[in-house]
């Protein structure tokens, strides 16, 4: 099963744009500085990897979390 089958938003974002677009997945994975709630997000992470979306980790990629 793909996230595209369970959540229409990623499919809409990817399929409806006639101009250049950026699909960006922000992983909320920094329990020290912010609540980490990506433990059950394997499906969307797999879909992002398969489709070549840019994935950003709050833990590893952000210097400051507000």
PDB file of N, CA and C in Angstrom:
ATOM      1  N   UNK A   1       0.845  -1.180   0.000  1.00  0.00           N
ATOM      2  CA  UNK A   1       0.000   0.000   0.000  1.00  0.00           C
ATOM      3  C   UNK A   1       0.890   1.243   0.000  1.00  0.00           C
ATOM      4  N   UNK A   2       0.460   2.239  -0.694  1.00  0.00           N
ATOM      5  CA  UNK A   2       1.183   3.503  -0.806  1.00  0.00           C
ATOM      6  C   UNK A   2       0.411   4.591  -0.068  1.00  0.00           C
ATOM      7  N   UNK A   3       1.126   5.602   0.377  1.00  0.00           N
ATOM      8  CA  UNK A   3       0.470   6.764   1.004  1.00  0.00           C
ATOM      9  C   UNK A   3      -0.491   7.416   0.011  1.00  0.00           C
ATOM     10  N   UNK A   4      -0.213   7.249  -1.273  1.00  0.00           N
ATOM     11  CA  UNK A   4      -1.080   7.822  -2.295  1.00  0.00           C
ATOM     12  C   UNK A   4      -2.467   7.179  -2.265  1.00  0.00           C
ATOM     13  N   UNK A   5      -2.568   5.948  -1.776  1.00  0.00           N
ATOM     14  CA  UNK A   5      -3.849   5.261  -1.697  1.00  0.00           C
ATOM     15  C   UNK A   5      -4.621   5.635  -0.436  1.00  0.00           C
ATOM     16  N   UNK A   6      -3.932   6.081   0.601  1.00  0.00           N
ATOM     17  CA  UNK A   6      -4.599   6.356   1.879  1.00  0.00           C
ATOM     18  C   UNK A   6      -4.759   7.849   2.160  1.00  0.00           C
ATOM     19  N   UNK A   7      -3.998   8.689   1.486  1.00  0.00           N
ATOM     20  CA  UNK A   7      -4.065  10.130   1.732  1.00  0.00           C
ATOM     21  C   UNK A   7      -4.026  10.846   0.389  1.00  0.00           C
ATOM     22  N   UNK A   8      -5.092  11.529   0.003  1.00  0.00           N
ATOM     23  CA  UNK A   8      -5.137  12.153  -1.320  1.00  0.00           C
ATOM     24  C   UNK A   8      -4.237  13.390  -1.467  1.00  0.00           C
ATOM     25  N   UNK A   9      -3.787  13.993  -0.389  1.00  0.00           N
ATOM     26  CA  UNK A   9      -3.025  15.234  -0.498  1.00  0.00           C
ATOM     27  C   UNK A   9      -1.707  15.071  -1.254  1.00  0.00           C
ATOM     28  N   UNK A  10      -0.846  14.079  -0.923  1.00  0.00           N
ATOM     29  CA  UNK A  10       0.399  13.951  -1.695  1.00  0.00           C
ATOM     30  C   UNK A  10       0.158  13.711  -3.175  1.00  0.00           C
ATOM     31  N   UNK A  11      -0.848  12.923  -3.515  1.00  0.00           N
ATOM     32  CA  UNK A  11      -1.151  12.657  -4.918  1.00  0.00           C
ATOM     33  C   UNK A  11      -1.612  13.929  -5.608  1.00  0.00           C
ATOM     34  N   UNK A  12      -2.434  14.712  -4.948  1.00  0.00           N
ATOM     35  CA  UNK A  12      -2.916  15.966  -5.523  1.00  0.00           C
ATOM     36  C   UNK A  12      -1.756  16.927  -5.741  1.00  0.00           C
ATOM     37  N   UNK A  13      -0.889  17.039  -4.739  1.00  0.00           N
ATOM     38  CA  UNK A  13       0.253  17.958  -4.843  1.00  0.00           C
ATOM     39  C   UNK A  13       1.180  17.565  -5.988  1.00  0.00           C
ATOM     40  N   UNK A  14       1.379  16.284  -6.164  1.00  0.00           N
ATOM     41  CA  UNK A  14       2.297  15.811  -7.187  1.00  0.00           C
ATOM     42  C   UNK A  14       1.666  15.830  -8.578  1.00  0.00           C
ATOM     43  N   UNK A  15       0.395  15.594  -8.664  1.00  0.00           N
ATOM     44  CA  UNK A  15      -0.227  15.422  -9.969  1.00  0.00           C
ATOM     45  C   UNK A  15      -0.953  16.613 -10.542  1.00  0.00           C
ATOM     46  N   UNK A  16      -1.197  17.645  -9.761  1.00  0.00           N
ATOM     47  CA  UNK A  16      -2.038  18.734 -10.253  1.00  0.00           C
ATOM     48  C   UNK A  16      -1.256  19.970 -10.687  1.00  0.00           C
ATOM     49  N   UNK A  17       0.024  20.003 -10.479  1.00  0.00           N
ATOM     50  CA  UNK A  17       0.809  21.197 -10.791  1.00  0.00           C
ATOM     51  C   UNK A  17       1.306  21.160 -12.227  1.00  0.00           C
ATOM     52  N   UNK A  18       1.088  22.242 -12.943  1.00  0.00           N
ATOM     53  CA  UNK A  18       1.594  22.363 -14.297  1.00  0.00           C
ATOM     54  C   UNK A  18       2.923  23.115 -14.302  1.00  0.00           C
ATOM     55  N   UNK A  19       3.299  23.666 -13.190  1.00  0.00           N
ATOM     56  CA  UNK A  19       4.556  24.399 -13.050  1.00  0.00           C
ATOM     57  C   UNK A  19       5.512  23.578 -12.190  1.00  0.00           C
ATOM     58  N   UNK A  20       6.780  23.955 -12.178  1.00  0.00           N
ATOM     59  CA  UNK A  20       7.722  23.246 -11.295  1.00  0.00           C
ATOM     60  C   UNK A  20       7.231  23.272  -9.842  1.00  0.00           C
ATOM     61  N   UNK A  21       7.481  22.211  -9.116  1.00  0.00           N
ATOM     62  CA  UNK A  21       7.015  22.108  -7.738  1.00  0.00           C
ATOM     63  C   UNK A  21       8.051  21.385  -6.907  1.00  0.00           C
ATOM     64  N   UNK A  22       7.914  21.489  -5.613  1.00  0.00           N
ATOM     65  CA  UNK A  22       8.808  20.831  -4.669  1.00  0.00           C
ATOM     66  C   UNK A  22       7.955  20.071  -3.664  1.00  0.00           C
ATOM     67  N   UNK A  23       8.065  18.759  -3.667  1.00  0.00           N
ATOM     68  CA  UNK A  23       7.431  17.952  -2.622  1.00  0.00           C
ATOM     69  C   UNK A  23       8.455  17.780  -1.517  1.00  0.00           C
ATOM     70  N   UNK A  24       8.126  18.253  -0.359  1.00  0.00           N
ATOM     71  CA  UNK A  24       9.048  18.290   0.768  1.00  0.00           C
ATOM     72  C   UNK A  24       8.400  17.607   1.962  1.00  0.00           C
ATOM     73  N   UNK A  25       9.113  16.644   2.529  1.00  0.00           N
ATOM     74  CA  UNK A  25       8.624  15.939   3.714  1.00  0.00           C
ATOM     75  C   UNK A  25       9.480  16.361   4.898  1.00  0.00           C
ATOM     76  N   UNK A  26       8.851  16.935   5.901  1.00  0.00           N
ATOM     77  CA  UNK A  26       9.559  17.327   7.119  1.00  0.00           C
ATOM     78  C   UNK A  26       9.326  16.244   8.164  1.00  0.00           C
ATOM     79  N   UNK A  27      10.404  15.610   8.573  1.00  0.00           N
ATOM     80  CA  UNK A  27      10.321  14.574   9.606  1.00  0.00           C
ATOM     81  C   UNK A  27      10.414  15.224  10.987  1.00  0.00           C
ATOM     82  N   UNK A  28       9.403  15.049  11.785  1.00  0.00           N
ATOM     83  CA  UNK A  28       9.389  15.554  13.157  1.00  0.00           C
ATOM     84  C   UNK A  28      10.005  14.473  14.041  1.00  0.00           C
ATOM     85  N   UNK A  29      11.339  14.438  14.063  1.00  0.00           N
ATOM     86  CA  UNK A  29      12.062  13.339  14.714  1.00  0.00           C
ATOM     87  C   UNK A  29      13.028  13.799  15.805  1.00  0.00           C
ATOM     88  N   UNK A  30      12.810  14.989  16.326  1.00  0.00           N
ATOM     89  CA  UNK A  30      13.715  15.535  17.343  1.00  0.00           C
ATOM     90  C   UNK A  30      12.994  15.620  18.685  1.00  0.00           C
ATOM     91  N   UNK A  31      13.072  14.558  19.453  1.00  0.00           N
ATOM     92  CA  UNK A  31      12.370  14.503  20.743  1.00  0.00           C
ATOM     93  C   UNK A  31      12.986  15.425  21.787  1.00  0.00           C
ATOM     94  N   UNK A  32      14.241  15.811  21.611  1.00  0.00           N
ATOM     95  CA  UNK A  32      14.883  16.715  22.579  1.00  0.00           C
ATOM     96  C   UNK A  32      14.381  18.138  22.448  1.00  0.00           C
ATOM     97  N   UNK A  33      14.244  18.622  21.227  1.00  0.00           N
ATOM     98  CA  UNK A  33      13.889  20.027  21.018  1.00  0.00           C
ATOM     99  C   UNK A  33      12.439  20.227  20.616  1.00  0.00           C
ATOM    100  N   UNK A  34      11.779  19.168  20.201  1.00  0.00           N
ATOM    101  CA  UNK A  34      10.402  19.259  19.746  1.00  0.00           C
ATOM    102  C   UNK A  34       9.801  17.875  19.895  1.00  0.00           C
ATOM    103  N   UNK A  35       8.524  17.762  19.988  1.00  0.00           N
ATOM    104  CA  UNK A  35       7.889  16.453  20.148  1.00  0.00           C
ATOM    105  C   UNK A  35       8.131  15.603  18.898  1.00  0.00           C
ATOM    106  N   UNK A  36       8.710  14.436  19.051  1.00  0.00           N
ATOM    107  CA  UNK A  36       8.950  13.529  17.925  1.00  0.00           C
ATOM    108  C   UNK A  36       7.715  12.669  17.708  1.00  0.00           C
ATOM    109  N   UNK A  37       7.087  12.823  16.570  1.00  0.00           N
ATOM    110  CA  UNK A  37       5.906  12.021  16.287  1.00  0.00           C
ATOM    111  C   UNK A  37       5.966  11.387  14.903  1.00  0.00           C
ATOM    112  N   UNK A  38       7.153  10.948  14.506  1.00  0.00           N
ATOM    113  CA  UNK A  38       7.267  10.283  13.212  1.00  0.00           C
ATOM    114  C   UNK A  38       7.445   8.772  13.340  1.00  0.00           C
ATOM    115  N   UNK A  39       7.232   8.232  14.523  1.00  0.00           N
ATOM    116  CA  UNK A  39       7.446   6.799  14.760  1.00  0.00           C
ATOM    117  C   UNK A  39       6.558   5.925  13.876  1.00  0.00           C
ATOM    118  N   UNK A  40       5.382   6.373  13.539  1.00  0.00           N
ATOM    119  CA  UNK A  40       4.477   5.559  12.716  1.00  0.00           C
ATOM    120  C   UNK A  40       4.336   6.117  11.298  1.00  0.00           C
ATOM    121  N   UNK A  41       5.334   6.831  10.849  1.00  0.00           N
ATOM    122  CA  UNK A  41       5.260   7.479   9.540  1.00  0.00           C
ATOM    123  C   UNK A  41       6.062   6.736   8.467  1.00  0.00           C
ATOM    124  N   UNK A  42       6.230   5.433   8.633  1.00  0.00           N
ATOM    125  CA  UNK A  42       7.032   4.663   7.687  1.00  0.00           C
ATOM    126  C   UNK A  42       6.469   4.715   6.272  1.00  0.00           C
ATOM    127  N   UNK A  43       5.150   4.693   6.165  1.00  0.00           N
ATOM    128  CA  UNK A  43       4.510   4.664   4.851  1.00  0.00           C
ATOM    129  C   UNK A  43       4.808   5.936   4.057  1.00  0.00           C
ATOM    130  N   UNK A  44       4.664   7.070   4.682  1.00  0.00           N
ATOM    131  CA  UNK A  44       4.929   8.319   3.962  1.00  0.00           C
ATOM    132  C   UNK A  44       6.430   8.477   3.686  1.00  0.00           C
ATOM    133  N   UNK A  45       7.284   8.006   4.588  1.00  0.00           N
ATOM    134  CA  UNK A  45       8.724   8.077   4.346  1.00  0.00           C
ATOM    135  C   UNK A  45       9.119   7.183   3.176  1.00  0.00           C
ATOM    136  N   UNK A  46       8.522   6.006   3.088  1.00  0.00           N
ATOM    137  CA  UNK A  46       8.787   5.095   1.976  1.00  0.00           C
ATOM    138  C   UNK A  46       8.325   5.719   0.659  1.00  0.00           C
ATOM    139  N   UNK A  47       7.139   6.310   0.655  1.00  0.00           N
ATOM    140  CA  UNK A  47       6.614   6.945  -0.546  1.00  0.00           C
ATOM    141  C   UNK A  47       7.510   8.091  -0.985  1.00  0.00           C
ATOM    142  N   UNK A  48       7.972   8.895  -0.032  1.00  0.00           N
ATOM    143  CA  UNK A  48       8.862  10.015  -0.360  1.00  0.00           C
ATOM    144  C   UNK A  48      10.146   9.512  -1.011  1.00  0.00           C
ATOM    145  N   UNK A  49      10.697   8.455  -0.486  1.00  0.00           N
ATOM    146  CA  UNK A  49      11.923   7.894  -1.047  1.00  0.00           C
ATOM    147  C   UNK A  49      11.677   7.345  -2.458  1.00  0.00           C
ATOM    148  N   UNK A  50      10.591   6.624  -2.646  1.00  0.00           N
ATOM    149  CA  UNK A  50      10.270   6.043  -3.947  1.00  0.00           C
ATOM    150  C   UNK A  50      10.051   7.111  -5.012  1.00  0.00           C
ATOM    151  N   UNK A  51       9.472   8.229  -4.624  1.00  0.00           N
ATOM    152  CA  UNK A  51       9.122   9.270  -5.591  1.00  0.00           C
ATOM    153  C   UNK A  51      10.155  10.392  -5.691  1.00  0.00           C
ATOM    154  N   UNK A  52      11.228  10.271  -4.928  1.00  0.00           N
ATOM    155  CA  UNK A  52      12.300  11.252  -5.027  1.00  0.00           C
ATOM    156  C   UNK A  52      12.007  12.594  -4.368  1.00  0.00           C
ATOM    157  N   UNK A  53      11.116  12.580  -3.378  1.00  0.00           N
ATOM    158  CA  UNK A  53      10.829  13.818  -2.671  1.00  0.00           C
ATOM    159  C   UNK A  53      11.995  14.165  -1.754  1.00  0.00           C
ATOM    160  N   UNK A  54      12.178  15.438  -1.498  1.00  0.00           N
ATOM    161  CA  UNK A  54      13.186  15.897  -0.557  1.00  0.00           C
ATOM    162  C   UNK A  54      12.662  15.667   0.855  1.00  0.00           C
ATOM    163  N   UNK A  55      13.485  15.044   1.698  1.00  0.00           N
ATOM    164  CA  UNK A  55      13.114  14.785   3.087  1.00  0.00           C
ATOM    165  C   UNK A  55      14.052  15.550   4.002  1.00  0.00           C
ATOM    166  N   UNK A  56      13.477  16.268   4.961  1.00  0.00           N
ATOM    167  CA  UNK A  56      14.251  17.048   5.917  1.00  0.00           C
ATOM    168  C   UNK A  56      14.004  16.493   7.314  1.00  0.00           C
ATOM    169  N   UNK A  57      15.060  16.288   8.046  1.00  0.00           N
ATOM    170  CA  UNK A  57      14.977  15.811   9.415  1.00  0.00           C
ATOM    171  C   UNK A  57      15.151  17.002  10.365  1.00  0.00           C
ATOM    172  N   UNK A  58      14.199  17.195  11.263  1.00  0.00           N
ATOM    173  CA  UNK A  58      14.347  18.275  12.246  1.00  0.00           C
ATOM    174  C   UNK A  58      15.549  18.016  13.144  1.00  0.00           C
ATOM    175  N   UNK A  59      15.817  16.756  13.427  1.00  0.00           N
ATOM    176  CA  UNK A  59      16.924  16.390  14.310  1.00  0.00           C
ATOM    177  C   UNK A  59      18.280  16.645  13.656  1.00  0.00           C
ATOM    178  N   UNK A  60      18.423  16.263  12.401  1.00  0.00           N
ATOM    179  CA  UNK A  60      19.727  16.321  11.747  1.00  0.00           C
ATOM    180  C   UNK A  60      19.950  17.529  10.847  1.00  0.00           C
ATOM    181  N   UNK A  61      18.886  18.159  10.372  1.00  0.00           N
ATOM    182  CA  UNK A  61      19.027  19.221   9.375  1.00  0.00           C
ATOM    183  C   UNK A  61      18.736  20.632   9.881  1.00  0.00           C
ATOM    184  N   UNK A  62      18.090  20.765  11.018  1.00  0.00           N
ATOM    185  CA  UNK A  62      17.741  22.082  11.536  1.00  0.00           C
ATOM    186  C   UNK A  62      18.607  22.432  12.717  1.00  0.00           C
ATOM    187  N   UNK A  63      19.229  23.583  12.627  1.00  0.00           N
ATOM    188  CA  UNK A  63      20.054  24.048  13.735  1.00  0.00           C
ATOM    189  C   UNK A  63      19.188  24.569  14.888  1.00  0.00           C
ATOM    190  N   UNK A  64      18.110  25.258  14.549  1.00  0.00           N
ATOM    191  CA  UNK A  64      17.201  25.819  15.548  1.00  0.00           C
ATOM    192  C   UNK A  64      15.797  25.319  15.299  1.00  0.00           C
ATOM    193  N   UNK A  65      15.139  24.861  16.346  1.00  0.00           N
ATOM    194  CA  UNK A  65      13.730  24.466  16.263  1.00  0.00           C
ATOM    195  C   UNK A  65      12.961  25.407  17.174  1.00  0.00           C
ATOM    196  N   UNK A  66      11.981  26.105  16.627  1.00  0.00           N
ATOM    197  CA  UNK A  66      11.208  27.078  17.415  1.00  0.00           C
ATOM    198  C   UNK A  66      10.060  26.405  18.110  1.00  0.00           C
TER     199      UNK A  66
END
